[in-house]
Amino acid sequence: MKKLLIVCGAGHATSTIAVSKVNKWLNDEKLADQVKIYQSKIADELNKIDEYDAVVSTTIVPDSIKDKVLNGLPLLTGVMLDNFFVELKKRLAF
């Protein structure tokens, strides 16, 4: 089971939207049973980033973890959404 973390500033609003859209995509791709999604605020997860197969953030992240985090802005705007899902699929190693 792959572990996907989705974070925002407070762990409520934009991460909830992102979780919903990723869940829909996972269902459409027939991958929902292979990925467990965790939702949190970025401050609570800084020291645990390596525990996840992929991390998506809808907020600014520290430079020290930037290369490990996929920018989730396309989930909110719809801009470059296809590219986002291609990259997410790569990071989850599907």
PDB file of N, CA and C in Angstrom:
ATOM      1  N   MET A   1       0.852  -1.182   0.000  1.00  0.00           N
ATOM      2  CA  MET A   1       0.000   0.000   0.000  1.00  0.00           C
ATOM      3  C   MET A   1       0.892   1.238   0.000  1.00  0.00           C
ATOM      4  N   LYS A   2       0.673   2.116  -0.964  1.00  0.00           N
ATOM      5  CA  LYS A   2       1.412   3.380  -1.051  1.00  0.00           C
ATOM      6  C   LYS A   2       0.836   4.361  -0.042  1.00  0.00           C
ATOM      7  N   LYS A   3       1.711   5.216   0.490  1.00  0.00           N
ATOM      8  CA  LYS A   3       1.288   6.237   1.450  1.00  0.00           C
ATOM      9  C   LYS A   3       1.455   7.615   0.823  1.00  0.00           C
ATOM     10  N   LEU A   4       0.338   8.337   0.711  1.00  0.00           N
ATOM     11  CA  LEU A   4       0.327   9.677   0.121  1.00  0.00           C
ATOM     12  C   LEU A   4      -0.100  10.676   1.185  1.00  0.00           C
ATOM     13  N   LEU A   5       0.715  11.686   1.395  1.00  0.00           N
ATOM     14  CA  LEU A   5       0.402  12.751   2.345  1.00  0.00           C
ATOM     15  C   LEU A   5      -0.017  13.993   1.570  1.00  0.00           C
ATOM     16  N   ILE A   6      -1.143  14.576   1.966  1.00  0.00           N
ATOM     17  CA  ILE A   6      -1.594  15.838   1.381  1.00  0.00           C
ATOM     18  C   ILE A   6      -1.689  16.853   2.510  1.00  0.00           C
ATOM     19  N   VAL A   7      -0.964  17.963   2.353  1.00  0.00           N
ATOM     20  CA  VAL A   7      -0.893  18.969   3.411  1.00  0.00           C
ATOM     21  C   VAL A   7      -1.268  20.355   2.901  1.00  0.00           C
ATOM     22  N   CYS A   8      -1.714  21.174   3.841  1.00  0.00           N
ATOM     23  CA  CYS A   8      -1.914  22.601   3.594  1.00  0.00           C
ATOM     24  C   CYS A   8      -1.455  23.338   4.844  1.00  0.00           C
ATOM     25  N   GLY A   9      -1.736  24.606   4.931  1.00  0.00           N
ATOM     26  CA  GLY A   9      -1.273  25.398   6.067  1.00  0.00           C
ATOM     27  C   GLY A   9      -1.861  24.964   7.395  1.00  0.00           C
ATOM     28  N   ALA A  10      -3.161  24.721   7.432  1.00  0.00           N
ATOM     29  CA  ALA A  10      -3.835  24.360   8.681  1.00  0.00           C
ATOM     30  C   ALA A  10      -4.326  22.919   8.700  1.00  0.00           C
ATOM     31  N   GLY A  11      -4.274  22.243   7.570  1.00  0.00           N
ATOM     32  CA  GLY A  11      -4.707  20.853   7.504  1.00  0.00           C
ATOM     33  C   GLY A  11      -6.194  20.662   7.329  1.00  0.00           C
ATOM     34  N   HIS A  12      -6.901  21.727   6.901  1.00  0.00           N
ATOM     35  CA  HIS A  12      -8.354  21.629   6.786  1.00  0.00           C
ATOM     36  C   HIS A  12      -8.869  21.971   5.384  1.00  0.00           C
ATOM     37  N   ALA A  13      -8.778  23.204   5.006  1.00  0.00           N
ATOM     38  CA  ALA A  13      -9.496  23.703   3.829  1.00  0.00           C
ATOM     39  C   ALA A  13      -8.940  23.204   2.493  1.00  0.00           C
ATOM     40  N   THR A  14      -7.803  23.726   2.079  1.00  0.00           N
ATOM     41  CA  THR A  14      -7.335  23.382   0.734  1.00  0.00           C
ATOM     42  C   THR A  14      -6.876  21.935   0.639  1.00  0.00           C
ATOM     43  N   SER A  15      -6.383  21.371   1.732  1.00  0.00           N
ATOM     44  CA  SER A  15      -5.996  19.958   1.668  1.00  0.00           C
ATOM     45  C   SER A  15      -7.228  19.069   1.512  1.00  0.00           C
ATOM     46  N   THR A  16      -8.363  19.486   2.044  1.00  0.00           N
ATOM     47  CA  THR A  16      -9.600  18.724   1.883  1.00  0.00           C
ATOM     48  C   THR A  16     -10.034  18.715   0.418  1.00  0.00           C
ATOM     49  N   ILE A  17      -9.919  19.847  -0.242  1.00  0.00           N
ATOM     50  CA  ILE A  17     -10.228  19.925  -1.675  1.00  0.00           C
ATOM     51  C   ILE A  17      -9.268  19.022  -2.456  1.00  0.00           C
ATOM     52  N   ALA A  18      -7.991  19.092  -2.109  1.00  0.00           N
ATOM     53  CA  ALA A  18      -6.985  18.282  -2.795  1.00  0.00           C
ATOM     54  C   ALA A  18      -7.245  16.791  -2.591  1.00  0.00           C
ATOM     55  N   VAL A  19      -7.567  16.389  -1.380  1.00  0.00           N
ATOM     56  CA  VAL A  19      -7.864  14.980  -1.095  1.00  0.00           C
ATOM     57  C   VAL A  19      -9.035  14.505  -1.947  1.00  0.00           C
ATOM     58  N   SER A  20     -10.061  15.317  -2.043  1.00  0.00           N
ATOM     59  CA  SER A  20     -11.233  14.959  -2.838  1.00  0.00           C
ATOM     60  C   SER A  20     -10.869  14.729  -4.298  1.00  0.00           C
ATOM     61  N   LYS A  21     -10.085  15.621  -4.859  1.00  0.00           N
ATOM     62  CA  LYS A  21      -9.718  15.501  -6.274  1.00  0.00           C
ATOM     63  C   LYS A  21      -8.772  14.331  -6.523  1.00  0.00           C
ATOM     64  N   VAL A  22      -7.854  14.094  -5.596  1.00  0.00           N
ATOM     65  CA  VAL A  22      -6.943  12.958  -5.744  1.00  0.00           C
ATOM     66  C   VAL A  22      -7.715  11.656  -5.592  1.00  0.00           C
ATOM     67  N   ASN A  23      -8.652  11.601  -4.654  1.00  0.00           N
ATOM     68  CA  ASN A  23      -9.485  10.402  -4.500  1.00  0.00           C
ATOM     69  C   ASN A  23     -10.252  10.093  -5.783  1.00  0.00           C
ATOM     70  N   LYS A  24     -10.813  11.114  -6.411  1.00  0.00           N
ATOM     71  CA  LYS A  24     -11.538  10.917  -7.670  1.00  0.00           C
ATOM     72  C   LYS A  24     -10.602  10.372  -8.743  1.00  0.00           C
ATOM     73  N   TRP A  25      -9.428  10.944  -8.843  1.00  0.00           N
ATOM     74  CA  TRP A  25      -8.446  10.489  -9.823  1.00  0.00           C
ATOM     75  C   TRP A  25      -8.037   9.038  -9.552  1.00  0.00           C
ATOM     76  N   LEU A  26      -7.780   8.718  -8.293  1.00  0.00           N
ATOM     77  CA  LEU A  26      -7.402   7.350  -7.933  1.00  0.00           C
ATOM     78  C   LEU A  26      -8.508   6.360  -8.313  1.00  0.00           C
ATOM     79  N   ASN A  27      -9.747   6.728  -8.051  1.00  0.00           N
ATOM     80  CA  ASN A  27     -10.874   5.875  -8.430  1.00  0.00           C
ATOM     81  C   ASN A  27     -10.956   5.714  -9.943  1.00  0.00           C
ATOM     82  N   ASP A  28     -10.812   6.818 -10.684  1.00  0.00           N
ATOM     83  CA  ASP A  28     -10.865   6.771 -12.147  1.00  0.00           C
ATOM     84  C   ASP A  28      -9.749   5.899 -12.727  1.00  0.00           C
ATOM     85  N   GLU A  29      -8.588   5.918 -12.071  1.00  0.00           N
ATOM     86  CA  GLU A  29      -7.430   5.151 -12.537  1.00  0.00           C
ATOM     87  C   GLU A  29      -7.412   3.723 -11.980  1.00  0.00           C
ATOM     88  N   LYS A  30      -8.416   3.382 -11.186  1.00  0.00           N
ATOM     89  CA  LYS A  30      -8.504   2.051 -10.555  1.00  0.00           C
ATOM     90  C   LYS A  30      -7.310   1.792  -9.628  1.00  0.00           C
ATOM     91  N   LEU A  31      -6.871   2.838  -8.925  1.00  0.00           N
ATOM     92  CA  LEU A  31      -5.734   2.746  -8.007  1.00  0.00           C
ATOM     93  C   LEU A  31      -6.125   3.004  -6.555  1.00  0.00           C
ATOM     94  N   ALA A  32      -7.391   3.259  -6.301  1.00  0.00           N
ATOM     95  CA  ALA A  32      -7.834   3.665  -4.963  1.00  0.00           C
ATOM     96  C   ALA A  32      -7.499   2.633  -3.891  1.00  0.00           C
ATOM     97  N   ASP A  33      -7.515   1.366  -4.242  1.00  0.00           N
ATOM     98  CA  ASP A  33      -7.236   0.327  -3.257  1.00  0.00           C
ATOM     99  C   ASP A  33      -5.742   0.124  -3.019  1.00  0.00           C
ATOM    100  N   GLN A  34      -4.914   0.907  -3.736  1.00  0.00           N
ATOM    101  CA  GLN A  34      -3.463   0.772  -3.609  1.00  0.00           C
ATOM    102  C   GLN A  34      -2.806   1.967  -2.924  1.00  0.00           C
ATOM    103  N   VAL A  35      -3.600   2.976  -2.563  1.00  0.00           N
ATOM    104  CA  VAL A  35      -3.050   4.195  -1.968  1.00  0.00           C
ATOM    105  C   VAL A  35      -3.842   4.583  -0.731  1.00  0.00           C
ATOM    106  N   LYS A  36      -3.126   4.841   0.354  1.00  0.00           N
ATOM    107  CA  LYS A  36      -3.735   5.368   1.579  1.00  0.00           C
ATOM    108  C   LYS A  36      -3.369   6.835   1.662  1.00  0.00           C
ATOM    109  N   ILE A  37      -4.386   7.688   1.764  1.00  0.00           N
ATOM    110  CA  ILE A  37      -4.160   9.129   1.822  1.00  0.00           C
ATOM    111  C   ILE A  37      -4.207   9.606   3.273  1.00  0.00           C
ATOM    112  N   TYR A  38      -3.211  10.391   3.628  1.00  0.00           N
ATOM    113  CA  TYR A  38      -3.147  11.038   4.931  1.00  0.00           C
ATOM    114  C   TYR A  38      -3.263  12.537   4.704  1.00  0.00           C
ATOM    115  N   GLN A  39      -3.961  13.220   5.591  1.00  0.00           N
ATOM    116  CA  GLN A  39      -4.171  14.668   5.464  1.00  0.00           C
ATOM    117  C   GLN A  39      -3.702  15.336   6.750  1.00  0.00           C
ATOM    118  N   SER A  40      -2.968  16.447   6.601  1.00  0.00           N
ATOM    119  CA  SER A  40      -2.417  17.113   7.784  1.00  0.00           C
ATOM    120  C   SER A  40      -2.039  18.542   7.445  1.00  0.00           C
ATOM    121  N   LYS A  41      -1.492  19.216   8.464  1.00  0.00           N
ATOM    122  CA  LYS A  41      -0.907  20.536   8.212  1.00  0.00           C
ATOM    123  C   LYS A  41       0.596  20.370   8.101  1.00  0.00           C
ATOM    124  N   ILE A  42       1.221  21.189   7.305  1.00  0.00           N
ATOM    125  CA  ILE A  42       2.629  21.041   6.987  1.00  0.00           C
ATOM    126  C   ILE A  42       3.506  21.060   8.248  1.00  0.00           C
ATOM    127  N   ALA A  43       3.188  21.895   9.207  1.00  0.00           N
ATOM    128  CA  ALA A  43       4.016  22.010  10.405  1.00  0.00           C
ATOM    129  C   ALA A  43       4.106  20.699  11.178  1.00  0.00           C
ATOM    130  N   ASP A  44       3.053  19.901  11.139  1.00  0.00           N
ATOM    131  CA  ASP A  44       3.041  18.628  11.872  1.00  0.00           C
ATOM    132  C   ASP A  44       3.806  17.520  11.159  1.00  0.00           C
ATOM    133  N   GLU A  45       4.159  17.722   9.912  1.00  0.00           N
ATOM    134  CA  GLU A  45       4.737  16.644   9.107  1.00  0.00           C
ATOM    135  C   GLU A  45       6.179  16.868   8.672  1.00  0.00           C
ATOM    136  N   LEU A  46       6.760  18.001   9.020  1.00  0.00           N
ATOM    137  CA  LEU A  46       8.102  18.332   8.532  1.00  0.00           C
ATOM    138  C   LEU A  46       9.134  17.249   8.810  1.00  0.00           C
ATOM    139  N   ASN A  47       9.074  16.620   9.955  1.00  0.00           N
ATOM    140  CA  ASN A  47      10.073  15.613  10.323  1.00  0.00           C
ATOM    141  C   ASN A  47       9.674  14.205   9.892  1.00  0.00           C
ATOM    142  N   LYS A  48       8.530  14.061   9.227  1.00  0.00           N
ATOM    143  CA  LYS A  48       8.040  12.737   8.849  1.00  0.00           C
ATOM    144  C   LYS A  48       7.882  12.573   7.336  1.00  0.00           C
ATOM    145  N   ILE A  49       8.354  13.515   6.570  1.00  0.00           N
ATOM    146  CA  ILE A  49       8.163  13.516   5.118  1.00  0.00           C
ATOM    147  C   ILE A  49       8.651  12.214   4.486  1.00  0.00           C
ATOM    148  N   ASP A  50       9.753  11.672   4.972  1.00  0.00           N
ATOM    149  CA  ASP A  50      10.330  10.468   4.370  1.00  0.00           C
ATOM    150  C   ASP A  50       9.505   9.208   4.621  1.00  0.00           C
ATOM    151  N   GLU A  51       8.505   9.283   5.480  1.00  0.00           N
ATOM    152  CA  GLU A  51       7.650   8.130   5.767  1.00  0.00           C
ATOM    153  C   GLU A  51       6.615   7.892   4.657  1.00  0.00           C
ATOM    154  N   TYR A  52       6.489   8.840   3.736  1.00  0.00           N
ATOM    155  CA  TYR A  52       5.465   8.770   2.695  1.00  0.00           C
ATOM    156  C   TYR A  52       6.098   8.512   1.335  1.00  0.00           C
ATOM    157  N   ASP A  53       5.349   7.835   0.472  1.00  0.00           N
ATOM    158  CA  ASP A  53       5.818   7.586  -0.889  1.00  0.00           C
ATOM    159  C   ASP A  53       5.728   8.850  -1.746  1.00  0.00           C
ATOM    160  N   ALA A  54       4.757   9.697  -1.438  1.00  0.00           N
ATOM    161  CA  ALA A  54       4.587  10.962  -2.150  1.00  0.00           C
ATOM    162  C   ALA A  54       3.933  11.967  -1.207  1.00  0.00           C
ATOM    163  N   VAL A  55       4.282  13.241  -1.407  1.00  0.00           N
ATOM    164  CA  VAL A  55       3.720  14.321  -0.596  1.00  0.00           C
ATOM    165  C   VAL A  55       3.245  15.412  -1.541  1.00  0.00           C
ATOM    166  N   VAL A  56       2.015  15.878  -1.313  1.00  0.00           N
ATOM    167  CA  VAL A  56       1.424  16.966  -2.094  1.00  0.00           C
ATOM    168  C   VAL A  56       1.122  18.089  -1.122  1.00  0.00           C
ATOM    169  N   SER A  57       1.489  19.310  -1.490  1.00  0.00           N
ATOM    170  CA  SER A  57       1.222  20.452  -0.629  1.00  0.00           C
ATOM    171  C   SER A  57       0.527  21.568  -1.392  1.00  0.00           C
ATOM    172  N   THR A  58      -0.473  22.161  -0.760  1.00  0.00           N
ATOM    173  CA  THR A  58      -1.153  23.313  -1.347  1.00  0.00           C
ATOM    174  C   THR A  58      -0.670  24.612  -0.715  1.00  0.00           C
ATOM    175  N   THR A  59       0.409  24.526   0.059  1.00  0.00           N
ATOM    176  CA  THR A  59       0.984  25.699   0.697  1.00  0.00           C
ATOM    177  C   THR A  59       2.495  25.715   0.471  1.00  0.00           C
ATOM    178  N   ILE A  60       3.124  26.784   0.844  1.00  0.00           N
ATOM    179  CA  ILE A  60       4.575  26.913   0.728  1.00  0.00           C
ATOM    180  C   ILE A  60       5.238  25.958   1.715  1.00  0.00           C
ATOM    181  N   VAL A  61       6.284  25.286   1.260  1.00  0.00           N
ATOM    182  CA  VAL A  61       7.027  24.369   2.124  1.00  0.00           C
ATOM    183  C   VAL A  61       8.462  24.866   2.273  1.00  0.00           C
ATOM    184  N   PRO A  62       9.127  24.497   3.365  1.00  0.00           N
ATOM    185  CA  PRO A  62      10.523  24.911   3.558  1.00  0.00           C
ATOM    186  C   PRO A  62      11.429  24.373   2.446  1.00  0.00           C
ATOM    187  N   ASP A  63      12.479  25.117   2.141  1.00  0.00           N
ATOM    188  CA  ASP A  63      13.424  24.714   1.103  1.00  0.00           C
ATOM    189  C   ASP A  63      14.011  23.332   1.360  1.00  0.00           C
ATOM    190  N   SER A  64      14.148  22.957   2.624  1.00  0.00           N
ATOM    191  CA  SER A  64      14.784  21.685   2.975  1.00  0.00           C
ATOM    192  C   SER A  64      13.991  20.463   2.494  1.00  0.00           C
ATOM    193  N   ILE A  65      12.700  20.621   2.213  1.00  0.00           N
ATOM    194  CA  ILE A  65      11.891  19.485   1.751  1.00  0.00           C
ATOM    195  C   ILE A  65      11.263  19.722   0.380  1.00  0.00           C
ATOM    196  N   LYS A  66      11.564  20.859  -0.237  1.00  0.00           N
ATOM    197  CA  LYS A  66      10.937  21.225  -1.515  1.00  0.00           C
ATOM    198  C   LYS A  66      11.065  20.153  -2.590  1.00  0.00           C
ATOM    199  N   ASP A  67      12.217  19.501  -2.659  1.00  0.00           N
ATOM    200  CA  ASP A  67      12.423  18.500  -3.714  1.00  0.00           C
ATOM    201  C   ASP A  67      11.621  17.224  -3.468  1.00  0.00           C
ATOM    202  N   LYS A  68      11.105  17.022  -2.280  1.00  0.00           N
ATOM    203  CA  LYS A  68      10.324  15.836  -1.944  1.00  0.00           C
ATOM    204  C   LYS A  68       8.819  16.059  -2.071  1.00  0.00           C
ATOM    205  N   VAL A  69       8.426  17.317  -2.323  1.00  0.00           N
ATOM    206  CA  VAL A  69       7.006  17.689  -2.282  1.00  0.00           C
ATOM    207  C   VAL A  69       6.522  18.126  -3.657  1.00  0.00           C
ATOM    208  N   LEU A  70       5.364  17.610  -4.032  1.00  0.00           N
ATOM    209  CA  LEU A  70       4.725  17.982  -5.293  1.00  0.00           C
ATOM    210  C   LEU A  70       3.775  19.146  -5.030  1.00  0.00           C
ATOM    211  N   ASN A  71       3.898  20.203  -5.807  1.00  0.00           N
ATOM    212  CA  ASN A  71       3.050  21.382  -5.652  1.00  0.00           C
ATOM    213  C   ASN A  71       1.612  21.025  -6.029  1.00  0.00           C
ATOM    214  N   GLY A  72       0.690  21.178  -5.072  1.00  0.00           N
ATOM    215  CA  GLY A  72      -0.703  20.820  -5.287  1.00  0.00           C
ATOM    216  C   GLY A  72      -1.577  21.934  -5.832  1.00  0.00           C
ATOM    217  N   LEU A  73      -0.992  23.061  -6.207  1.00  0.00           N
ATOM    218  CA  LEU A  73      -1.771  24.182  -6.725  1.00  0.00           C
ATOM    219  C   LEU A  73      -2.672  23.804  -7.906  1.00  0.00           C
ATOM    220  N   PRO A  74      -2.217  22.935  -8.823  1.00  0.00           N
ATOM    221  CA  PRO A  74      -3.112  22.543  -9.925  1.00  0.00           C
ATOM    222  C   PRO A  74      -4.423  21.896  -9.456  1.00  0.00           C
ATOM    223  N   LEU A  75      -4.414  21.279  -8.287  1.00  0.00           N
ATOM    224  CA  LEU A  75      -5.648  20.694  -7.754  1.00  0.00           C
ATOM    225  C   LEU A  75      -6.663  21.766  -7.387  1.00  0.00           C
ATOM    226  N   LEU A  76      -6.188  22.964  -7.111  1.00  0.00           N
ATOM    227  CA  LEU A  76      -7.067  24.074  -6.732  1.00  0.00           C
ATOM    228  C   LEU A  76      -7.478  24.919  -7.924  1.00  0.00           C
ATOM    229  N   THR A  77      -6.571  25.051  -8.889  1.00  0.00           N
ATOM    230  CA  THR A  77      -6.831  25.945 -10.017  1.00  0.00           C
ATOM    231  C   THR A  77      -7.278  25.214 -11.279  1.00  0.00           C
ATOM    232  N   GLY A  78      -6.899  23.954 -11.403  1.00  0.00           N
ATOM    233  CA  GLY A  78      -7.178  23.209 -12.621  1.00  0.00           C
ATOM    234  C   GLY A  78      -6.138  23.425 -13.707  1.00  0.00           C
ATOM    235  N   VAL A  79      -5.226  24.374 -13.512  1.00  0.00           N
ATOM    236  CA  VAL A  79      -4.189  24.685 -14.487  1.00  0.00           C
ATOM    237  C   VAL A  79      -3.083  23.635 -14.394  1.00  0.00           C
ATOM    238  N   MET A  80      -2.761  23.015 -15.513  1.00  0.00           N
ATOM    239  CA  MET A  80      -1.719  21.977 -15.582  1.00  0.00           C
ATOM    240  C   MET A  80      -2.079  20.744 -14.756  1.00  0.00           C
ATOM    241  N   LEU A  81      -3.364  20.481 -14.596  1.00  0.00           N
ATOM    242  CA  LEU A  81      -3.822  19.369 -13.769  1.00  0.00           C
ATOM    243  C   LEU A  81      -3.376  18.018 -14.334  1.00  0.00           C
ATOM    244  N   ASP A  82      -3.428  17.856 -15.650  1.00  0.00           N
ATOM    245  CA  ASP A  82      -2.983  16.600 -16.258  1.00  0.00           C
ATOM    246  C   ASP A  82      -1.514  16.333 -15.948  1.00  0.00           C
ATOM    247  N   ASN A  83      -0.686  17.358 -16.043  1.00  0.00           N
ATOM    248  CA  ASN A  83       0.743  17.220 -15.740  1.00  0.00           C
ATOM    249  C   ASN A  83       0.951  16.861 -14.276  1.00  0.00           C
ATOM    250  N   PHE A  84       0.139  17.445 -13.404  1.00  0.00           N
ATOM    251  CA  PHE A  84       0.228  17.134 -11.981  1.00  0.00           C
ATOM    252  C   PHE A  84      -0.003  15.639 -11.757  1.00  0.00           C
ATOM    253  N   PHE A  85      -1.058  15.091 -12.359  1.00  0.00           N
ATOM    254  CA  PHE A  85      -1.373  13.682 -12.143  1.00  0.00           C
ATOM    255  C   PHE A  85      -0.333  12.751 -12.766  1.00  0.00           C
ATOM    256  N   VAL A  86       0.277  13.151 -13.870  1.00  0.00           N
ATOM    257  CA  VAL A  86       1.371  12.366 -14.455  1.00  0.00           C
ATOM    258  C   VAL A  86       2.525  12.294 -13.456  1.00  0.00           C
ATOM    259  N   GLU A  87       2.876  13.420 -12.878  1.00  0.00           N
ATOM    260  CA  GLU A  87       3.974  13.456 -11.902  1.00  0.00           C
ATOM    261  C   GLU A  87       3.614  12.686 -10.641  1.00  0.00           C
ATOM    262  N   LEU A  88       2.384  12.809 -10.170  1.00  0.00           N
ATOM    263  CA  LEU A  88       1.970  12.074  -8.976  1.00  0.00           C
ATOM    264  C   LEU A  88       2.052  10.573  -9.217  1.00  0.00           C
ATOM    265  N   LYS A  89       1.652  10.136 -10.382  1.00  0.00           N
ATOM    266  CA  LYS A  89       1.715   8.712 -10.715  1.00  0.00           C
ATOM    267  C   LYS A  89       3.158   8.226 -10.701  1.00  0.00           C
ATOM    268  N   LYS A  90       4.084   9.047 -11.211  1.00  0.00           N
ATOM    269  CA  LYS A  90       5.504   8.696 -11.183  1.00  0.00           C
ATOM    270  C   LYS A  90       6.003   8.585  -9.746  1.00  0.00           C
ATOM    271  N   ARG A  91       5.645   9.544  -8.931  1.00  0.00           N
ATOM    272  CA  ARG A  91       6.132   9.544  -7.551  1.00  0.00           C
ATOM    273  C   ARG A  91       5.566   8.395  -6.733  1.00  0.00           C
ATOM    274  N   LEU A  92       4.374   7.969  -7.088  1.00  0.00           N
ATOM    275  CA  LEU A  92       3.804   6.805  -6.410  1.00  0.00           C
ATOM    276  C   LEU A  92       4.306   5.491  -7.026  1.00  0.00           C
ATOM    277  N   ALA A  93       5.094   5.617  -8.095  1.00  0.00           N
ATOM    278  CA  ALA A  93       5.714   4.477  -8.780  1.00  0.00           C
ATOM    279  C   ALA A  93       4.695   3.512  -9.365  1.00  0.00           C
ATOM    280  N   PHE A  94       3.705   4.072 -10.057  1.00  0.00           N
ATOM    281  CA  PHE A  94       2.727   3.245 -10.780  1.00  0.00           C
ATOM    282  C   PHE A  94       3.059   3.259 -12.245  1.00  0.00           C
TER     283      PHE A  94
END
